């Protein structure tokens, strides 16, 4: 299983985004069933005002 944790600096929410993604305040949690792969990753994402 692959688990991805994102810190979204300028996005805020609570609830399920799609079948494998859930947002809790500024954190987004995603998981995928990838056979033979196991990983946990952490990302920090933000947008510039342009």
N, C-alpha and C. Protein backbone atom coordinates (compact mmCIF):
# COMPACT_ATOMS: atom_id res chain seq x y z
N UNK A 1 0.85 -1.18 0.00
CA UNK A 1 0.00 0.00 0.00
C UNK A 1 0.89 1.24 0.00
N UNK A 2 0.50 2.24 -0.75
CA UNK A 2 1.20 3.51 -0.83
C UNK A 2 0.35 4.55 -0.12
N UNK A 3 0.95 5.25 0.84
CA UNK A 3 0.26 6.29 1.60
C UNK A 3 0.98 7.61 1.35
N UNK A 4 0.21 8.63 1.01
CA UNK A 4 0.75 9.95 0.73
C UNK A 4 0.08 10.95 1.66
N UNK A 5 0.88 11.76 2.36
CA UNK A 5 0.36 12.79 3.26
C UNK A 5 0.81 14.14 2.72
N UNK A 6 -0.13 15.04 2.47
CA UNK A 6 0.18 16.36 1.92
C UNK A 6 -0.20 17.43 2.94
N UNK A 7 0.66 18.41 3.09
CA UNK A 7 0.34 19.62 3.84
C UNK A 7 -0.02 20.68 2.81
N UNK A 8 -1.28 21.08 2.78
CA UNK A 8 -1.75 22.07 1.80
C UNK A 8 -1.85 23.41 2.50
N UNK A 9 -0.93 24.30 2.20
CA UNK A 9 -0.79 25.55 2.93
C UNK A 9 -1.98 26.49 2.71
N UNK A 10 -2.49 26.58 1.48
CA UNK A 10 -3.58 27.53 1.24
C UNK A 10 -4.87 26.86 0.78
N UNK A 11 -5.08 25.62 1.19
CA UNK A 11 -6.35 24.94 0.96
C UNK A 11 -6.82 24.37 2.29
N UNK A 12 -8.10 24.51 2.57
CA UNK A 12 -8.64 24.09 3.85
C UNK A 12 -9.92 23.31 3.60
N UNK A 13 -10.11 22.21 4.29
CA UNK A 13 -11.34 21.45 4.12
C UNK A 13 -11.43 20.28 5.07
N UNK A 14 -12.57 19.61 5.00
CA UNK A 14 -12.79 18.43 5.81
C UNK A 14 -13.73 17.50 5.06
N UNK A 15 -13.25 16.29 4.81
CA UNK A 15 -14.12 15.31 4.16
C UNK A 15 -13.41 14.56 3.06
N UNK A 16 -14.18 13.67 2.45
CA UNK A 16 -13.67 12.81 1.40
C UNK A 16 -13.65 13.57 0.07
N UNK A 17 -12.51 13.55 -0.62
CA UNK A 17 -12.38 14.24 -1.90
C UNK A 17 -12.74 13.29 -3.03
N UNK A 18 -12.20 12.08 -3.00
CA UNK A 18 -12.58 11.03 -3.94
C UNK A 18 -12.39 9.68 -3.24
N UNK A 19 -12.43 8.59 -3.98
CA UNK A 19 -12.42 7.27 -3.34
C UNK A 19 -11.15 6.96 -2.56
N UNK A 20 -10.03 7.62 -2.86
CA UNK A 20 -8.79 7.31 -2.14
C UNK A 20 -8.15 8.53 -1.48
N UNK A 21 -8.86 9.65 -1.40
CA UNK A 21 -8.26 10.86 -0.83
C UNK A 21 -9.21 11.50 0.17
N UNK A 22 -8.68 11.88 1.33
CA UNK A 22 -9.45 12.48 2.41
C UNK A 22 -8.70 13.71 2.91
N UNK A 23 -9.41 14.81 3.15
CA UNK A 23 -8.77 16.01 3.67
C UNK A 23 -9.25 16.28 5.08
N UNK A 24 -8.28 16.61 5.96
CA UNK A 24 -8.55 16.94 7.36
C UNK A 24 -7.83 18.24 7.66
N UNK A 25 -8.57 19.36 7.66
CA UNK A 25 -8.03 20.70 7.80
C UNK A 25 -7.00 20.98 6.71
N UNK A 26 -5.72 21.11 7.04
CA UNK A 26 -4.69 21.40 6.04
C UNK A 26 -3.95 20.15 5.57
N UNK A 27 -4.35 18.97 6.02
CA UNK A 27 -3.68 17.73 5.63
C UNK A 27 -4.56 16.92 4.70
N UNK A 28 -3.94 16.39 3.64
CA UNK A 28 -4.63 15.46 2.74
C UNK A 28 -3.96 14.10 2.81
N UNK A 29 -4.76 13.08 3.00
CA UNK A 29 -4.27 11.71 3.08
C UNK A 29 -4.75 10.94 1.87
N UNK A 30 -3.83 10.28 1.18
CA UNK A 30 -4.18 9.47 0.01
C UNK A 30 -3.60 8.08 0.19
N UNK A 31 -4.29 7.07 -0.34
CA UNK A 31 -3.74 5.71 -0.30
C UNK A 31 -4.11 4.98 -1.57
N UNK A 32 -3.19 4.15 -2.04
CA UNK A 32 -3.37 3.35 -3.23
C UNK A 32 -2.92 1.94 -2.94
N UNK A 33 -3.62 0.98 -3.50
CA UNK A 33 -3.21 -0.42 -3.42
C UNK A 33 -2.35 -0.72 -4.64
N UNK A 34 -1.03 -0.72 -4.46
CA UNK A 34 -0.10 -1.02 -5.55
C UNK A 34 0.59 -2.33 -5.18
N UNK A 35 0.36 -3.39 -5.94
CA UNK A 35 0.95 -4.70 -5.60
C UNK A 35 2.48 -4.63 -5.54
N UNK A 36 3.05 -5.14 -4.45
CA UNK A 36 4.49 -5.21 -4.31
C UNK A 36 5.17 -3.91 -3.92
N UNK A 37 4.43 -2.82 -3.71
CA UNK A 37 5.03 -1.53 -3.35
C UNK A 37 4.49 -1.06 -2.01
N UNK A 38 5.40 -0.65 -1.15
CA UNK A 38 5.04 -0.14 0.17
C UNK A 38 5.82 1.15 0.39
N UNK A 39 5.12 2.24 0.61
CA UNK A 39 5.81 3.50 0.86
C UNK A 39 4.89 4.47 1.58
N UNK A 40 5.51 5.39 2.29
CA UNK A 40 4.82 6.52 2.92
C UNK A 40 5.59 7.76 2.51
N UNK A 41 4.89 8.75 1.97
CA UNK A 41 5.56 9.98 1.57
C UNK A 41 4.84 11.18 2.16
N UNK A 42 5.58 12.28 2.26
CA UNK A 42 5.05 13.52 2.81
C UNK A 42 5.38 14.65 1.85
N UNK A 43 4.39 15.49 1.52
CA UNK A 43 4.59 16.60 0.60
C UNK A 43 4.09 17.89 1.23
N UNK A 44 4.71 19.00 0.83
CA UNK A 44 4.23 20.32 1.21
C UNK A 44 3.88 21.04 -0.09
N UNK A 45 2.63 21.48 -0.23
CA UNK A 45 2.16 22.12 -1.46
C UNK A 45 1.59 23.49 -1.16
N UNK A 46 1.86 24.45 -2.05
CA UNK A 46 1.27 25.78 -1.95
C UNK A 46 1.20 26.39 -3.34
N UNK A 47 0.44 27.46 -3.47
CA UNK A 47 0.28 28.16 -4.74
C UNK A 47 0.79 29.59 -4.60
N UNK A 48 1.42 30.07 -5.67
CA UNK A 48 1.82 31.48 -5.73
C UNK A 48 0.67 32.31 -6.26
N UNK A 49 0.62 33.57 -5.86
CA UNK A 49 -0.38 34.48 -6.41
C UNK A 49 0.23 35.14 -7.64
N UNK A 50 -0.18 34.67 -8.82
CA UNK A 50 0.34 35.26 -10.07
C UNK A 50 -0.80 35.59 -10.99
